[in-house]
Amino acid sequence: MNYKGFLRWIFWGKRRIRAGWRICIFLTMLYTITVLLSAAVGIFAQKECSIEEMGWDSPLSIAYLVYLLISVLIASLIMLRFFDKRAFATLGYSFDSGWTLEALTGIATGFLIIIAIFVMGTVSGIYRASLHQINLPVLAGSFVKYLLLIFMLAVFEEVLFRGYVFQTLVQGIGRIGAIILVSIFFGLGHYFNPNGTPAGAINTGLAGIFLAVAYLKTRSLWLPSFIHFSWNFTLGYILSFPVSGIRLKGAPLTVEYSGLEILTGGEFGPEASLFTTIVLLVVTILFIFLKRLRPSEPMARRWDKFLSEKHLSEEYMLKETTLPENSIVEKNGEHS
C-alpha cells in the first residue's frame, strides 16, 4: 500500500469519511460555534460558568441554554448536509404524523418512571411528602420558567448524546458498542455534577441506555427528549428532589427523605437510588420488546432512501416500518 493509499484507508470508509473522523469534525465544529455564540451573547464558555453557578432562575441561564442548543443544532445540520448527505429530519426531529403521540408517550413514560420510584420510596418509609403553602402567581412564574429551561436542557442533551454523535457511532461500530460508549460518557458527564456519586453515574448511564433504546426503536428524538424532559420536571419541580445533584426552587411539594444513601440517593437525588436502578432495568427491557414502538412511515422512508443512496445492502433496510433490527444502524454497522 503506497502513502496515498494508506492515508485514504485511514480517513476514508465506504464512500465517505470514516465515522470517527466525522465525530471529531462535529465536536470541533460544536466547540467553535459555541465559543462564537457565547461571545455574541456575552457569556464566555472558556471561563468555568455553569448553570448552577449562575442560578437556574437567572436570565443568563436561559441565554446559556439557548446558545448551547443552537450550537449543537447548527453543527448537526452542517454535518448532515455536507458530510453525510442526509436530510436534517433524519436527526430525529420531524413533524411527521405520529410525532405528537411520541411526545405524549415520552411525557407519560418519564412521569410514570419517577412516580414509580417515589411510590417505592414512600412505601418503604424513606420518602415523606407534604404540600406547602402555595402562592399562585409565584408558582405560575416558576412553573413556566422551569418548563422552558428543563425542556431546552433535555433537548440539548438528547441532540448531543443521542443525535449526530450516537447515530454516527452506530453506523461505525454497531448499535451495542455505540450504546455502551455514549452511555458511559453520559454517566460520567453527570458524575461531575454537584454531589455526584458513583451510584448516580451508574444509574445515569443506565438511563442513557434506556434513552438510546427509545431512539433506536422509533428513529426519532421526540420520544427520548420528552422522556428526559418529563423525568427531570417531575423529579425536580413537582416532587422537589435534586435532579442529578441540582435543586430547583419553587416546587409545590416538599419531600423529606431519610435512610440508607443507596436507597435515598443522598444529595444527588433519587437518580442515585437502588429504586431507580430497578425501575430503569424494567422499563428498558419493556421498551426493547415492545413491538408497538417503531419508526413512523415517513422516517422509515427517509432512512431507506439514505441507505439505498449509499449503496448499502438491502438486508439492512427499514421495510414496512418494521422494528429496527432490519436497519443498517441496528446491525454490525458500516465499519466506516
Protein backbone atom coordinates (compact mmCIF):
# COMPACT_ATOMS: atom_id res chain seq x y z
CA MET A 1 0.00 0.00 0.00
CA ASN A 2 1.51 3.35 -1.03
CA TYR A 3 1.43 6.53 1.05
CA LYS A 4 -1.71 7.93 -0.59
CA GLY A 5 -3.46 4.60 -0.28
CA PHE A 6 -2.55 4.40 3.39
CA LEU A 7 -3.94 7.89 4.08
CA ARG A 8 -7.11 7.04 2.19
CA TRP A 9 -7.52 3.88 4.28
CA ILE A 10 -7.04 5.88 7.50
CA PHE A 11 -9.55 8.61 6.69
CA TRP A 12 -11.98 7.12 4.16
CA GLY A 13 -14.63 4.44 4.64
CA LYS A 14 -17.46 3.42 2.34
CA ARG A 15 -17.85 6.45 0.05
CA ARG A 16 -17.25 8.97 2.85
CA ILE A 17 -15.01 9.99 5.74
CA ARG A 18 -14.84 7.37 8.47
CA ALA A 19 -17.25 7.69 11.39
CA GLY A 20 -14.58 8.53 13.97
CA TRP A 21 -13.24 11.44 11.92
CA ARG A 22 -16.74 12.75 11.27
CA ILE A 23 -17.39 12.77 15.00
CA CYS A 24 -14.10 14.64 15.61
CA ILE A 25 -15.11 17.23 12.99
CA PHE A 26 -18.55 17.57 14.59
CA LEU A 27 -17.14 18.10 18.10
CA THR A 28 -14.57 20.62 16.86
CA MET A 29 -17.29 22.48 14.98
CA LEU A 30 -19.60 22.39 18.00
CA TYR A 31 -16.92 23.87 20.25
CA THR A 32 -16.13 26.61 17.73
CA ILE A 33 -19.76 27.58 17.22
CA THR A 34 -20.38 27.54 20.97
CA VAL A 35 -17.45 29.87 21.66
CA LEU A 36 -18.54 32.27 18.91
CA LEU A 37 -22.15 32.36 20.10
CA SER A 38 -21.12 32.68 23.73
CA ALA A 39 -19.05 35.73 22.86
CA ALA A 40 -22.00 37.18 20.95
CA VAL A 41 -24.30 36.96 23.99
CA GLY A 42 -21.60 37.99 26.44
CA ILE A 43 -21.11 34.61 28.11
CA PHE A 44 -17.64 33.15 27.88
CA ALA A 45 -17.73 29.38 27.91
CA GLN A 46 -13.96 29.14 28.33
CA LYS A 47 -14.47 30.57 31.81
CA GLU A 48 -15.96 28.00 34.13
CA CYS A 49 -19.53 29.17 34.10
CA SER A 50 -22.24 26.60 34.72
CA ILE A 51 -25.98 26.90 35.03
CA GLU A 52 -25.89 26.02 38.71
CA GLU A 53 -23.28 28.74 39.31
CA MET A 54 -25.39 31.34 37.52
CA GLY A 55 -28.58 30.11 39.18
CA TRP A 56 -31.41 28.31 37.44
CA ASP A 57 -33.64 31.36 37.79
CA SER A 58 -31.07 33.70 36.23
CA PRO A 59 -31.79 35.19 32.78
CA LEU A 60 -28.25 34.13 31.85
CA SER A 61 -29.30 30.50 32.29
CA ILE A 62 -31.83 30.89 29.50
CA ALA A 63 -29.26 32.54 27.22
CA TYR A 64 -26.74 29.84 28.15
CA LEU A 65 -29.10 27.02 27.19
CA VAL A 66 -30.33 28.78 24.06
CA TYR A 67 -26.86 29.20 22.59
CA LEU A 68 -25.87 25.64 23.57
CA LEU A 69 -28.96 24.28 21.83
CA ILE A 70 -28.46 26.47 18.75
CA SER A 71 -24.80 25.44 18.59
CA VAL A 72 -25.46 21.70 18.62
CA LEU A 73 -28.29 22.03 16.07
CA ILE A 74 -26.17 24.11 13.68
CA ALA A 75 -23.23 21.70 13.97
CA SER A 76 -25.59 18.76 13.34
CA LEU A 77 -27.14 20.48 10.33
CA ILE A 78 -23.75 21.16 8.74
CA MET A 79 -22.55 17.60 9.28
CA LEU A 80 -25.76 16.06 7.94
CA ARG A 81 -25.93 18.32 4.92
CA PHE A 82 -22.30 18.42 3.78
CA PHE A 83 -20.68 15.27 5.19
CA ASP A 84 -23.41 12.64 5.48
CA LYS A 85 -25.62 13.92 2.66
CA ARG A 86 -28.80 13.07 4.52
CA ALA A 87 -31.87 15.09 5.43
CA PHE A 88 -31.86 17.06 8.67
CA ALA A 89 -35.12 15.31 9.58
CA THR A 90 -33.19 12.04 9.95
CA LEU A 91 -31.55 13.54 13.04
CA GLY A 92 -34.83 12.72 14.77
CA TYR A 93 -36.94 15.87 14.86
CA SER A 94 -39.60 15.96 12.18
CA PHE A 95 -43.28 16.83 12.37
CA ASP A 96 -44.49 13.62 10.79
CA SER A 97 -47.82 12.05 11.57
CA GLY A 98 -47.37 10.45 14.95
CA TRP A 99 -44.82 12.84 16.42
CA THR A 100 -47.41 14.09 18.93
CA LEU A 101 -48.05 10.50 20.05
CA GLU A 102 -44.31 10.03 20.58
CA ALA A 103 -44.19 13.26 22.59
CA LEU A 104 -47.18 12.28 24.75
CA THR A 105 -45.76 8.78 25.23
CA GLY A 106 -42.48 10.34 26.35
CA ILE A 107 -44.21 12.67 28.82
CA ALA A 108 -46.25 9.80 30.28
CA THR A 109 -43.24 7.48 30.45
CA GLY A 110 -40.96 9.95 32.22
CA PHE A 111 -43.71 10.87 34.68
CA LEU A 112 -44.59 7.26 35.48
CA ILE A 113 -40.95 6.27 35.97
CA ILE A 114 -40.45 8.96 38.62
CA ILE A 115 -43.80 8.25 40.27
CA ALA A 116 -42.88 4.54 40.45
CA ILE A 117 -39.58 5.44 42.16
CA PHE A 118 -41.40 7.81 44.52
CA VAL A 119 -44.04 5.20 45.41
CA MET A 120 -41.35 2.58 46.12
CA GLY A 121 -39.59 5.02 48.44
CA THR A 122 -42.81 6.12 50.14
CA VAL A 123 -43.98 2.55 50.75
CA SER A 124 -40.53 1.79 52.19
CA GLY A 125 -40.93 4.70 54.61
CA ILE A 126 -38.00 6.60 53.10
CA TYR A 127 -39.83 9.47 51.38
CA ARG A 128 -42.38 11.75 53.09
CA ALA A 129 -44.16 14.37 51.03
CA SER A 130 -46.04 17.44 52.20
CA LEU A 131 -47.75 20.29 50.33
CA HIS A 132 -46.52 23.67 51.49
CA GLN A 133 -48.35 26.99 51.31
CA ILE A 134 -48.76 27.98 47.67
CA ASN A 135 -48.50 31.48 46.25
CA LEU A 136 -50.24 31.08 42.88
CA PRO A 137 -48.52 33.97 41.00
CA VAL A 138 -45.10 32.79 42.19
CA LEU A 139 -45.97 29.18 41.41
CA ALA A 140 -47.16 30.08 37.90
CA GLY A 141 -43.99 32.03 37.22
CA SER A 142 -41.68 29.27 38.41
CA PHE A 143 -43.74 26.66 36.52
CA VAL A 144 -43.32 28.40 33.15
CA LYS A 145 -39.67 29.23 33.79
CA TYR A 146 -38.64 25.70 34.70
CA LEU A 147 -40.83 24.21 31.99
CA LEU A 148 -38.79 26.08 29.37
CA LEU A 149 -35.41 25.59 31.00
CA ILE A 150 -35.83 21.88 31.62
CA PHE A 151 -37.22 21.28 28.13
CA MET A 152 -34.34 23.10 26.46
CA LEU A 153 -31.80 21.24 28.58
CA ALA A 154 -33.41 17.89 27.76
CA VAL A 155 -33.42 18.60 24.02
CA PHE A 156 -29.80 19.77 24.14
CA GLU A 157 -28.63 16.63 25.94
CA GLU A 158 -30.59 14.37 23.61
CA VAL A 159 -29.18 16.01 20.48
CA LEU A 160 -25.70 15.83 21.99
CA PHE A 161 -25.87 12.23 23.27
CA ARG A 162 -28.45 10.56 21.02
CA GLY A 163 -28.10 12.79 17.99
CA TYR A 164 -25.33 13.02 15.39
CA VAL A 165 -22.54 11.50 17.50
CA PHE A 166 -24.55 8.48 18.59
CA GLN A 167 -26.06 7.91 15.15
CA THR A 168 -22.65 8.09 13.51
CA LEU A 169 -21.16 5.71 16.06
CA VAL A 170 -23.95 3.21 15.39
CA GLN A 171 -23.07 3.33 11.69
CA GLY A 172 -19.39 2.86 12.50
CA ILE A 173 -19.21 0.31 15.33
CA GLY A 174 -22.76 -1.02 15.58
CA ARG A 175 -25.63 -0.39 17.95
CA ILE A 176 -24.31 -2.23 21.05
CA GLY A 177 -20.90 -0.56 21.01
CA ALA A 178 -22.46 2.86 20.39
CA ILE A 179 -24.99 2.47 23.20
CA ILE A 180 -22.31 1.40 25.70
CA LEU A 181 -19.79 4.07 24.71
CA VAL A 182 -22.19 7.02 24.65
CA SER A 183 -23.95 5.91 27.84
CA ILE A 184 -20.60 5.76 29.66
CA PHE A 185 -19.93 9.36 28.70
CA PHE A 186 -23.50 10.30 29.60
CA GLY A 187 -22.99 8.85 33.08
CA LEU A 188 -19.56 10.40 33.53
CA GLY A 189 -20.90 13.79 32.45
CA HIS A 190 -23.38 13.72 35.32
CA TYR A 191 -20.85 12.33 37.80
CA PHE A 192 -19.16 15.75 37.84
CA ASN A 193 -22.42 17.49 38.76
CA PRO A 194 -22.74 18.82 42.32
CA ASN A 195 -22.92 15.95 44.83
CA GLY A 196 -22.08 13.42 42.14
CA THR A 197 -21.64 9.80 43.24
CA PRO A 198 -20.61 6.55 41.53
CA ALA A 199 -24.17 5.21 42.03
CA GLY A 200 -25.57 8.33 40.38
CA ALA A 201 -23.20 7.95 37.43
CA ILE A 202 -24.12 4.28 37.01
CA ASN A 203 -27.86 5.00 37.06
CA THR A 204 -27.42 7.91 34.67
CA GLY A 205 -25.54 5.57 32.36
CA LEU A 206 -28.45 3.11 32.59
CA ALA A 207 -30.79 5.98 31.77
CA GLY A 208 -28.60 6.68 28.73
CA ILE A 209 -29.07 3.07 27.60
CA PHE A 210 -32.84 3.38 28.05
CA LEU A 211 -32.99 6.64 26.09
CA ALA A 212 -30.81 5.16 23.32
CA VAL A 213 -33.24 2.23 23.03
CA ALA A 214 -36.14 4.70 22.82
CA TYR A 215 -34.38 6.46 19.93
CA LEU A 216 -33.40 3.28 18.08
CA LYS A 217 -36.90 1.84 18.28
CA THR A 218 -38.50 4.93 16.74
CA ARG A 219 -35.58 6.56 14.90
CA SER A 220 -36.98 9.76 16.44
CA LEU A 221 -35.61 12.06 19.13
CA TRP A 222 -39.09 13.20 20.16
CA LEU A 223 -39.62 10.15 22.38
CA PRO A 224 -36.32 10.27 24.33
CA SER A 225 -36.43 14.08 24.54
CA PHE A 226 -39.87 14.11 26.15
CA ILE A 227 -39.00 11.19 28.44
CA HIS A 228 -35.91 13.14 29.54
CA PHE A 229 -37.91 16.36 30.00
CA SER A 230 -40.78 14.74 31.88
CA TRP A 231 -38.35 12.79 34.09
CA ASN A 232 -36.47 15.93 35.14
CA PHE A 233 -39.55 18.13 35.51
CA THR A 234 -41.45 15.59 37.63
CA LEU A 235 -38.41 14.79 39.75
CA GLY A 236 -37.09 18.33 40.29
CA TYR A 237 -40.06 20.64 40.08
CA ILE A 238 -43.15 18.63 41.05
CA LEU A 239 -41.52 16.48 43.75
CA SER A 240 -38.70 18.91 44.69
CA PHE A 241 -35.98 16.21 44.61
CA PRO A 242 -32.45 17.11 43.47
CA VAL A 243 -32.04 16.47 39.73
CA SER A 244 -28.61 14.95 39.27
CA GLY A 245 -27.43 16.83 42.34
CA ILE A 246 -29.10 20.15 41.48
CA ARG A 247 -32.08 21.51 43.43
CA LEU A 248 -34.77 23.70 41.90
CA LYS A 249 -36.73 26.36 43.73
CA GLY A 250 -40.47 26.96 43.91
CA ALA A 251 -41.71 23.35 43.84
CA PRO A 252 -45.28 22.86 45.13
CA LEU A 253 -44.28 19.82 47.22
CA THR A 254 -41.64 19.32 49.87
CA VAL A 255 -40.27 15.77 50.06
CA GLU A 256 -38.13 14.76 53.01
CA TYR A 257 -36.16 11.53 52.99
CA SER A 258 -34.06 9.54 55.43
CA GLY A 259 -32.39 6.17 55.42
CA LEU A 260 -29.54 4.43 53.64
CA GLU A 261 -27.99 6.51 50.87
CA ILE A 262 -28.19 3.54 48.49
CA LEU A 263 -31.98 3.85 48.80
CA THR A 264 -32.44 7.61 49.13
CA GLY A 265 -29.77 8.63 46.63
CA GLY A 266 -28.40 11.19 49.07
CA GLU A 267 -27.81 14.75 47.91
CA PHE A 268 -27.55 13.61 44.29
CA GLY A 269 -31.22 12.66 44.48
CA PRO A 270 -33.23 9.51 43.68
CA GLU A 271 -31.27 9.07 40.45
CA ALA A 272 -28.56 7.53 42.65
CA SER A 273 -31.07 5.23 44.36
CA LEU A 274 -31.40 1.46 44.04
CA PHE A 275 -35.09 2.07 43.30
CA THR A 276 -34.08 3.91 40.14
CA THR A 277 -31.78 1.06 39.11
CA ILE A 278 -34.64 -1.42 39.37
CA VAL A 279 -37.15 0.75 37.51
CA LEU A 280 -34.68 1.55 34.70
CA LEU A 281 -33.86 -2.11 34.13
CA VAL A 282 -37.56 -2.97 33.94
CA VAL A 283 -38.55 -0.18 31.52
CA THR A 284 -35.51 -0.76 29.30
CA ILE A 285 -36.39 -4.44 28.87
CA LEU A 286 -40.02 -3.45 28.29
CA PHE A 287 -39.06 -0.97 25.56
CA ILE A 288 -36.77 -3.48 23.85
CA PHE A 289 -39.60 -5.99 23.44
CA LEU A 290 -42.46 -3.52 22.91
CA LYS A 291 -43.48 -4.12 19.30
CA ARG A 292 -45.71 -1.05 19.11
CA LEU A 293 -42.60 1.13 19.17
CA ARG A 294 -41.39 1.51 15.60
CA PRO A 295 -40.34 4.27 13.19
CA SER A 296 -43.08 6.26 11.52
CA GLU A 297 -43.57 5.56 7.81
CA PRO A 298 -42.03 8.92 6.72
CA MET A 299 -38.98 8.39 8.96
CA ALA A 300 -38.53 4.82 7.72
CA ARG A 301 -38.67 6.06 4.11
CA ARG A 302 -36.04 8.74 4.82
CA TRP A 303 -33.63 6.19 6.25
CA ASP A 304 -34.27 3.70 3.48
CA LYS A 305 -33.62 6.43 0.91
CA PHE A 306 -30.39 7.44 2.61
CA LEU A 307 -29.17 3.86 2.93
CA SER A 308 -30.04 2.97 -0.65
CA GLU A 309 -28.23 6.06 -1.96
CA LYS A 310 -25.13 4.86 -0.09
CA HIS A 311 -25.47 1.51 -1.89
CA LEU A 312 -25.71 -0.38 1.36
CA SER A 313 -27.07 -3.91 1.50
CA GLU A 314 -30.85 -4.18 1.23
CA GLU A 315 -30.96 -6.64 4.10
CA TYR A 316 -30.43 -3.70 6.44
CA MET A 317 -33.26 -1.52 5.12
CA LEU A 318 -36.21 -0.42 7.18
CA LYS A 319 -39.02 -2.15 5.31
CA GLU A 320 -42.67 -1.55 6.03
CA THR A 321 -41.69 0.37 9.17
CA THR A 322 -40.59 -2.86 10.83
CA LEU A 323 -38.61 -2.87 14.02
CA PRO A 324 -35.05 -1.52 13.85
CA GLU A 325 -33.43 -4.95 13.63
CA ASN A 326 -33.69 -4.67 9.85
CA SER A 327 -31.77 -1.42 9.68
CA ILE A 328 -28.13 -0.85 8.84
CA VAL A 329 -27.78 1.16 12.01
CA GLU A 330 -29.08 -1.75 14.05
CA LYS A 331 -26.75 -4.43 12.72
CA ASN A 332 -22.98 -4.51 12.80
CA GLY A 333 -22.50 -1.04 11.36
CA GLU A 334 -20.99 0.04 8.07
CA HIS A 335 -17.45 -0.01 9.57
CA SER A 336 -16.71 3.42 8.25
